[in-house]
Protein backbone atom coordinates (compact mmCIF):
# COMPACT_ATOMS: atom_id res chain seq x y z
CA MET A 1 20.10 -9.89 6.81
CA ASN A 2 18.88 -10.23 10.38
CA ARG A 3 16.15 -12.01 12.28
CA LYS A 4 13.79 -9.06 11.75
CA THR A 5 13.84 -9.50 7.99
CA GLN A 6 13.48 -13.25 7.60
CA CYS A 7 10.46 -14.90 5.97
CA ARG A 8 7.35 -15.86 7.94
CA PRO A 9 4.87 -18.71 7.62
CA TRP A 10 1.60 -17.94 5.85
CA LEU A 11 -1.65 -19.67 4.95
CA ALA A 12 -3.51 -19.51 1.64
CA ASP A 13 -6.15 -17.15 3.05
CA ASP A 14 -3.42 -14.75 4.20
CA VAL A 15 -2.14 -14.44 0.64
CA ARG A 16 -5.65 -14.23 -0.80
CA ASN A 17 -6.64 -11.37 1.51
CA ASP A 18 -3.46 -9.29 1.30
CA ARG A 19 -2.16 -8.47 -2.18
CA SER A 20 0.95 -6.60 -1.01
CA TRP A 21 3.00 -9.30 -2.77
CA ILE A 22 1.93 -7.88 -6.18
CA ARG A 23 4.24 -5.16 -7.51
CA PRO A 24 2.85 -3.31 -10.56
CA LEU A 25 5.49 -2.13 -13.00
CA ASP A 26 5.60 1.61 -13.66
CA PRO A 27 5.18 1.84 -17.48
CA THR A 28 8.16 4.19 -17.69
CA LEU A 29 10.40 1.35 -16.49
CA GLY A 30 9.62 -0.54 -19.68
CA ASP A 31 11.24 2.33 -21.58
CA ASP A 32 14.29 1.98 -19.32
CA LEU A 33 14.55 -1.68 -20.26
CA ASP A 34 14.33 -0.84 -23.96
CA ARG A 35 17.12 1.73 -23.65
CA ALA A 36 19.29 -0.68 -21.67
CA LEU A 37 18.83 -3.38 -24.30
CA GLN A 38 19.73 -0.98 -27.08
CA HIS A 39 22.92 -0.03 -25.24
CA ALA A 40 23.82 -3.68 -24.58
CA ASP A 41 23.24 -4.63 -28.20
CA GLU A 42 25.45 -1.78 -29.36
CA THR A 43 28.37 -3.21 -27.38
CA GLY A 44 28.40 -6.18 -29.75
CA LYS A 45 29.09 -8.53 -26.83
CA ALA A 46 27.52 -11.93 -26.24
CA MET A 47 25.16 -12.03 -23.22
CA LEU A 48 27.57 -13.96 -21.00
CA ASP A 49 30.16 -11.23 -21.55
CA TRP A 50 27.86 -8.42 -20.46
CA THR A 51 28.50 -6.53 -17.24
CA PRO A 52 25.86 -4.54 -15.36
CA ASP A 53 27.32 -1.42 -16.98
CA ASP A 54 26.57 -2.93 -20.39
CA PHE A 55 22.87 -3.04 -19.44
CA PRO A 56 22.54 0.37 -17.75
CA LEU A 57 19.44 1.11 -15.69
CA ARG A 58 18.42 4.36 -14.08
CA GLU A 59 18.46 4.19 -10.30
CA HIS A 60 14.66 4.08 -10.10
CA ALA A 61 14.49 1.04 -12.38
CA ARG A 62 17.39 -0.73 -10.74
CA ALA A 63 15.92 -0.15 -7.28
CA PHE A 64 12.48 -1.45 -8.33
CA PHE A 65 13.79 -4.80 -9.54
CA LYS A 66 16.37 -5.17 -6.78
CA ASN A 67 13.73 -4.46 -4.12
CA ALA A 68 11.43 -7.06 -5.69
CA PHE A 69 14.11 -9.76 -5.47
CA ASP A 70 15.14 -8.61 -2.00
CA SER A 71 11.53 -8.92 -0.83
CA THR A 72 11.72 -12.69 -1.34
CA GLN A 73 14.16 -12.84 1.58
CA ARG A 74 11.58 -11.55 4.07
CA ASP A 75 7.84 -11.56 4.80
CA TRP A 76 5.98 -13.69 2.20
CA GLY A 77 9.11 -15.14 0.59
CA PHE A 78 7.71 -14.40 -2.87
CA CYS A 79 6.38 -11.62 -5.04
CA LEU A 80 4.84 -11.03 -8.46
CA ILE A 81 5.93 -8.20 -10.75
CA ARG A 82 2.97 -7.35 -12.97
CA GLY A 83 3.09 -5.51 -16.28
CA MET A 84 6.37 -6.36 -18.01
CA PRO A 85 5.73 -5.16 -21.61
CA VAL A 86 6.58 -8.49 -23.22
CA GLU A 87 4.08 -7.92 -26.04
CA ARG A 88 6.45 -5.41 -27.64
CA TRP A 89 9.49 -7.69 -27.50
CA SER A 90 10.46 -10.66 -29.57
CA VAL A 91 11.34 -13.81 -27.61
CA GLU A 92 15.02 -13.12 -28.16
CA GLU A 93 14.66 -9.50 -27.00
CA ALA A 94 12.82 -10.70 -23.89
CA ARG A 95 15.63 -13.17 -23.20
CA ARG A 96 18.29 -10.47 -23.42
CA ILE A 97 16.31 -8.03 -21.25
CA TYR A 98 15.67 -10.72 -18.65
CA TRP A 99 19.35 -11.59 -18.59
CA GLY A 100 20.32 -7.93 -18.31
CA LEU A 101 18.06 -7.51 -15.29
CA GLY A 102 19.70 -10.51 -13.63
CA LEU A 103 23.09 -8.81 -13.88
CA HIS A 104 21.87 -6.18 -11.41
CA ILE A 105 20.47 -8.79 -9.01
CA GLY A 106 23.12 -11.44 -8.36
CA VAL A 107 24.69 -14.48 -10.02
CA CYS A 108 22.61 -16.83 -12.16
CA ARG A 109 22.97 -20.60 -11.90
CA THR A 110 23.09 -23.17 -14.67
CA GLN A 111 19.99 -25.35 -14.70
CA ASN A 112 20.41 -28.65 -16.53
CA ARG A 113 22.64 -31.20 -18.24
CA ALA A 114 23.34 -28.69 -21.03
CA SER A 115 24.47 -26.08 -18.44
CA ASP A 116 21.88 -23.61 -19.78
CA ILE A 117 21.90 -20.20 -18.09
CA MET A 118 18.24 -19.60 -18.98
CA THR A 119 15.58 -22.13 -19.89
CA SER A 120 12.29 -21.95 -21.73
CA VAL A 121 9.51 -23.44 -19.63
CA LYS A 122 7.55 -24.76 -22.59
CA ASP A 123 6.08 -28.07 -23.68
CA ALA A 124 8.65 -29.73 -25.92
CA SER A 125 7.08 -33.21 -25.65
CA GLY A 126 9.41 -34.16 -22.82
CA SER A 127 8.67 -36.84 -20.22
CA TYR A 128 8.46 -35.96 -16.54
CA LYS A 129 8.40 -39.06 -14.32
CA VAL A 130 11.17 -41.01 -16.00
CA ASN A 131 14.84 -41.46 -15.18
CA GLY A 132 16.47 -38.10 -15.93
CA GLY A 133 13.10 -36.47 -16.64
CA ARG A 134 12.55 -32.77 -15.96
CA GLY A 135 9.22 -30.98 -15.74
CA TYR A 136 9.97 -27.67 -17.44
CA ASN A 137 9.83 -29.09 -21.00
CA THR A 138 6.52 -30.94 -20.53
CA ASN A 139 2.85 -30.01 -20.07
CA ALA A 140 2.56 -32.26 -17.02
CA GLY A 141 1.40 -31.29 -13.59
CA LEU A 142 4.43 -31.30 -11.27
CA ASP A 143 5.20 -32.65 -7.82
CA PHE A 144 5.75 -29.99 -5.20
CA HIS A 145 9.44 -29.14 -5.23
CA VAL A 146 12.04 -26.41 -4.88
CA ASP A 147 14.78 -25.41 -7.31
CA PHE A 148 18.55 -25.31 -6.89
CA CYS A 149 18.99 -21.61 -6.15
CA ASP A 150 18.09 -18.81 -3.75
CA VAL A 151 15.31 -17.47 -5.99
CA VAL A 152 13.59 -18.96 -9.03
CA SER A 153 12.24 -16.32 -11.40
CA LEU A 154 9.67 -16.95 -14.15
CA LEU A 155 8.81 -14.40 -16.84
CA CYS A 156 5.56 -15.19 -18.64
CA LEU A 157 5.60 -14.53 -22.40
CA HIS A 158 2.39 -16.49 -23.10
CA PRO A 159 0.04 -18.29 -20.69
CA ALA A 160 -1.56 -21.63 -21.58
CA LYS A 161 -4.94 -22.01 -23.27
CA ALA A 162 -6.09 -23.75 -20.08
CA GLY A 163 -4.38 -24.91 -16.89
CA GLY A 164 -0.76 -24.37 -15.92
CA THR A 165 -1.83 -22.75 -12.65
CA SER A 166 1.04 -21.99 -10.30
CA LEU A 167 0.70 -23.56 -6.84
CA ILE A 168 2.76 -22.24 -3.93
CA THR A 169 2.90 -23.30 -0.29
CA SER A 170 4.77 -21.88 2.69
CA SER A 171 7.11 -24.64 3.81
CA LEU A 172 7.42 -22.81 7.13
CA ALA A 173 3.67 -23.14 7.72
CA VAL A 174 3.81 -26.84 6.84
CA ILE A 175 6.70 -27.40 9.24
CA ASP A 176 4.68 -25.67 11.97
CA GLU A 177 1.78 -28.02 11.21
CA ILE A 178 4.01 -31.08 11.43
CA ARG A 179 5.37 -29.88 14.76
CA ARG A 180 1.82 -29.38 16.01
CA THR A 181 0.27 -32.62 14.78
CA ARG A 182 3.20 -35.05 14.29
CA PRO A 183 6.10 -33.92 16.49
CA ASP A 184 7.39 -37.50 16.38
CA LEU A 185 8.38 -36.94 12.73
CA GLU A 186 10.46 -33.79 13.20
CA ASP A 187 13.68 -35.73 13.77
CA ALA A 188 13.13 -37.60 10.48
CA LEU A 189 12.91 -34.26 8.63
CA ARG A 190 16.44 -33.50 9.82
CA THR A 191 17.97 -36.80 8.62
CA PRO A 192 19.70 -37.06 5.21
CA PHE A 193 17.48 -37.85 2.23
CA TYR A 194 19.28 -38.72 -1.00
CA PHE A 195 18.29 -36.83 -4.16
CA SER A 196 19.16 -37.82 -7.73
CA LEU A 197 20.70 -35.06 -9.85
CA GLN A 198 18.81 -36.59 -12.81
CA GLY A 199 22.00 -36.59 -14.87
CA ALA A 200 22.41 -32.83 -14.53
CA GLY A 201 25.53 -32.84 -12.38
CA ALA A 202 29.06 -32.20 -13.54
CA ASP A 203 31.23 -35.16 -14.55
CA ASP A 204 33.25 -34.86 -11.33
CA GLU A 205 30.15 -34.86 -9.09
CA PRO A 206 28.40 -37.89 -7.59
CA PRO A 207 25.05 -38.57 -9.28
CA VAL A 208 23.19 -38.20 -5.96
CA TYR A 209 23.56 -35.92 -2.97
CA PRO A 210 22.39 -36.13 0.67
CA CYS A 211 20.35 -33.31 2.16
CA PRO A 212 17.90 -33.19 5.07
CA LEU A 213 14.49 -31.81 4.21
CA TYR A 214 14.65 -29.28 7.02
CA GLY A 215 17.23 -27.48 9.10
CA GLU A 216 18.17 -24.14 10.61
CA LYS A 217 21.25 -21.95 10.74
CA ASP A 218 21.62 -18.86 12.92
CA GLY A 219 17.85 -18.82 13.40
CA PHE A 220 17.04 -19.07 9.67
CA PRO A 221 14.93 -22.11 8.72
CA ALA A 222 15.37 -23.81 5.34
CA PHE A 223 13.36 -26.56 3.66
CA ARG A 224 13.73 -28.49 0.42
CA THR A 225 11.93 -31.43 -1.15
CA ASN A 226 11.44 -33.13 -4.49
CA ARG A 227 9.89 -36.56 -4.07
CA LYS A 228 10.44 -37.48 -7.71
CA ASN A 229 14.20 -37.05 -7.32
CA ILE A 230 14.24 -38.83 -3.96
CA THR A 231 12.37 -41.75 -5.52
CA ALA A 232 14.78 -41.78 -8.48
CA ALA A 233 17.75 -42.03 -6.11
CA GLN A 234 16.12 -45.05 -4.46
CA GLU A 235 15.26 -46.75 -7.76
CA TYR A 236 18.43 -46.23 -9.77
CA PHE A 237 21.29 -46.14 -7.25
CA GLU A 238 21.82 -49.26 -5.15
CA GLN A 239 24.49 -47.57 -3.04
CA VAL A 240 21.98 -45.06 -1.67
CA PRO A 241 20.76 -45.88 1.88
CA ARG A 242 17.16 -47.06 1.87
CA LEU A 243 14.55 -44.69 3.27
CA THR A 244 13.47 -45.47 6.81
CA ASP A 245 9.82 -46.02 7.66
CA GLN A 246 9.71 -42.60 9.29
CA GLN A 247 11.23 -40.92 6.24
CA VAL A 248 8.59 -42.50 4.01
CA GLU A 249 5.93 -41.36 6.45
CA VAL A 250 7.31 -37.81 6.26
CA LEU A 251 7.15 -37.84 2.45
CA ASP A 252 3.60 -39.21 2.53
CA LEU A 253 2.55 -36.53 4.99
CA LEU A 254 4.11 -33.81 2.82
CA ASP A 255 2.18 -35.17 -0.18
CA THR A 256 -0.96 -34.48 1.84
CA LEU A 257 -0.04 -31.13 3.40
CA LEU A 258 1.68 -29.29 0.53
CA PRO A 259 -1.41 -29.26 -1.75
CA ASP A 260 -3.87 -28.84 1.13
CA PRO A 261 -6.08 -25.77 0.36
CA ARG A 262 -5.37 -24.42 3.84
CA PHE A 263 -1.72 -24.01 2.88
CA CYS A 264 -1.59 -24.00 -0.92
CA PHE A 265 -2.32 -20.78 -2.83
CA SER A 266 -3.23 -21.00 -6.53
CA MET A 267 -1.83 -18.22 -8.71
CA ASN A 268 -2.47 -17.64 -12.41
CA ILE A 269 0.67 -16.21 -14.00
CA GLU A 270 -0.43 -13.96 -16.85
CA LYS A 271 1.36 -12.47 -19.83
CA GLY A 272 3.92 -9.94 -18.59
CA ASP A 273 4.03 -11.33 -15.03
CA MET A 274 7.36 -12.14 -13.36
CA GLN A 275 7.06 -14.52 -10.41
CA LEU A 276 9.88 -14.64 -7.83
CA LEU A 277 10.03 -17.44 -5.22
CA ASN A 278 12.38 -18.05 -2.28
CA ASN A 279 13.39 -21.71 -2.59
CA TYR A 280 14.06 -22.20 1.13
CA THR A 281 10.68 -21.04 2.44
CA VAL A 282 8.24 -21.55 -0.48
CA VAL A 283 7.51 -24.86 -2.25
CA HIS A 284 5.98 -24.73 -5.72
CA SER A 285 4.17 -26.83 -8.28
CA ARG A 286 1.83 -26.34 -11.22
CA THR A 287 -1.19 -28.04 -12.71
CA ASP A 288 -1.03 -29.69 -16.11
CA PHE A 289 -2.03 -27.52 -19.05
CA GLU A 290 -3.52 -27.47 -22.53
CA ASP A 291 -1.77 -25.43 -25.20
CA PHE A 292 -3.01 -23.47 -28.17
CA GLU A 293 -2.40 -25.08 -31.57
CA GLU A 294 -0.50 -22.08 -32.95
CA GLU A 295 3.20 -22.20 -32.05
CA GLU A 296 3.37 -18.48 -31.31
CA LYS A 297 0.55 -18.78 -28.74
CA LYS A 298 1.88 -21.78 -26.83
CA ARG A 299 2.55 -21.42 -23.11
CA HIS A 300 6.06 -20.01 -22.78
CA MET A 301 7.94 -18.78 -19.73
CA LEU A 302 11.58 -17.88 -19.34
CA ARG A 303 13.30 -19.11 -16.17
CA LEU A 304 16.31 -17.80 -14.29
CA TRP A 305 17.83 -19.39 -11.20
CA MET A 306 19.49 -16.67 -9.12
CA THR A 307 21.73 -16.46 -6.07
CA LEU A 308 21.55 -13.18 -4.16
CA PRO A 309 24.09 -11.16 -2.18
CA ASN A 310 21.64 -10.87 0.74
CA SER A 311 20.66 -14.55 0.90
CA GLN A 312 20.28 -16.39 4.20
CA PRO A 313 22.70 -18.93 5.65
CA LEU A 314 21.87 -22.58 5.03
CA PRO A 315 22.22 -25.50 7.45
CA ASP A 316 25.76 -26.89 7.61
CA ASP A 317 24.61 -30.34 6.47
CA TRP A 318 23.29 -28.91 3.19
CA VAL A 319 26.82 -28.34 1.91
CA ALA A 320 26.88 -31.49 -0.26
CA ALA A 321 23.87 -30.13 -2.14
CA PHE A 322 24.79 -26.45 -2.44
CA LYS A 323 28.61 -26.49 -2.16
CA ASP A 324 28.46 -23.38 0.04
CA THR A 325 26.11 -22.64 2.94
CA ARG A 326 27.36 -19.19 3.92
CA PRO A 327 24.99 -16.24 3.51
CA GLY A 328 25.46 -14.23 0.35
CA SER A 329 27.43 -16.95 -1.42
CA VAL A 330 27.35 -18.25 -4.98
CA ARG A 331 25.83 -21.71 -4.53
CA GLY A 332 23.54 -24.37 -5.93
CA GLY A 333 22.55 -24.85 -9.54
CA ASN A 334 22.97 -27.88 -11.76
CA ARG A 335 26.50 -27.59 -13.14
CA GLY A 336 25.71 -29.89 -16.05
CA LYS A 337 28.17 -31.19 -18.62
CA HIS A 338 28.95 -28.01 -20.54
CA ILE A 339 30.31 -25.38 -18.16
CA THR A 340 32.54 -23.12 -20.24
CA GLU A 341 35.39 -20.81 -19.32
CA THR A 342 33.15 -17.97 -20.49
CA PHE A 343 30.57 -18.91 -17.87
CA LEU A 344 33.25 -19.21 -15.18
CA ASP A 345 34.46 -15.72 -16.10
CA TYR A 346 30.88 -14.45 -15.80
CA GLU A 347 30.48 -16.19 -12.43
CA ARG A 348 33.69 -14.69 -11.04
CA ARG A 349 32.95 -11.23 -12.44
CA GLN A 350 29.42 -11.13 -11.05
CA ALA A 351 30.50 -12.43 -7.66
CA ARG A 352 33.09 -9.65 -7.39
CA TYR A 353 30.57 -7.02 -8.52
CA HIS A 354 28.01 -8.05 -5.88
CA GLY A 355 30.56 -8.82 -3.14
CA MET A 356 29.56 -12.49 -2.98
CA ARG A 357 31.70 -15.44 -1.85
CA ASN A 358 32.40 -17.88 -4.68
CA VAL A 359 33.66 -21.42 -4.04
CA PHE A 360 33.48 -22.17 -7.77
CA SER A 361 36.25 -19.72 -8.70
């Protein structure tokens, strides 16, 4: 990656008026996915034991999906693949196909206390704004946040009856606005904020980690926020330094700017859509939603957290959060309490295949 290919700031009207971020799926690629799944199933292996060769894609199919993920590392910092033929797959088939695609992209990250490699974003009557609460298993509207990976990918199996609109904002545009209107707060953005891991860290990890909201490395800017987790660190961990007045003012200003219609673009993710977001340059949220009564119609998305071989460098003082800040490294994720040797083998194997550095090996 070089300076010519890094992401740029954008406003909501830019996204609204230029749909180059939508990538329609050639229907023949769905047939490729079916053939790859059949081959993978015939190996008799569990998903975590699959290699890219076990889920074989023709070059055209592999290039389409790889280019989509690669596009998140430049320009908009996000894209939407439209037309995945999820209607012809069972949920389990969709899971296996989604996982197989990820093998050709990079190394997936575990996402929660259970060390799940893929999660269902679906209302399971969970609670969001509580100690240890997560948003993906509720129907609640979410705070603007980023996830613990280079790219978060959502595959929509069923949209909600109403609501559940995806909200995305260019963090780079918001940083530019802060520099323009409140330059006195830029230093506070670069000071450590403490985030709670919400119980999703490994047993040998501290329950909180320090990370500035903004920084740069080799000309690449990076931003992260999650006010709910910052607030949880303040409420539940006495050893955490208290937020300064300027840090609170920064968080309050972000609460105003991130959903501002000038910056925030609303996107309806429909059945068969796959949304890909760069977590260092795009902040995301969603509105609350109403589900259908029938279980098979309820809002259901599958989520992968991916690290990519062409990812950007991260600021040096983000290392406590991500464990590795070098470009193209295996980093981030919530290790959780149930990392297995099988997952570690997968992690090492995938890192070797994609030529990625791996501090977890």
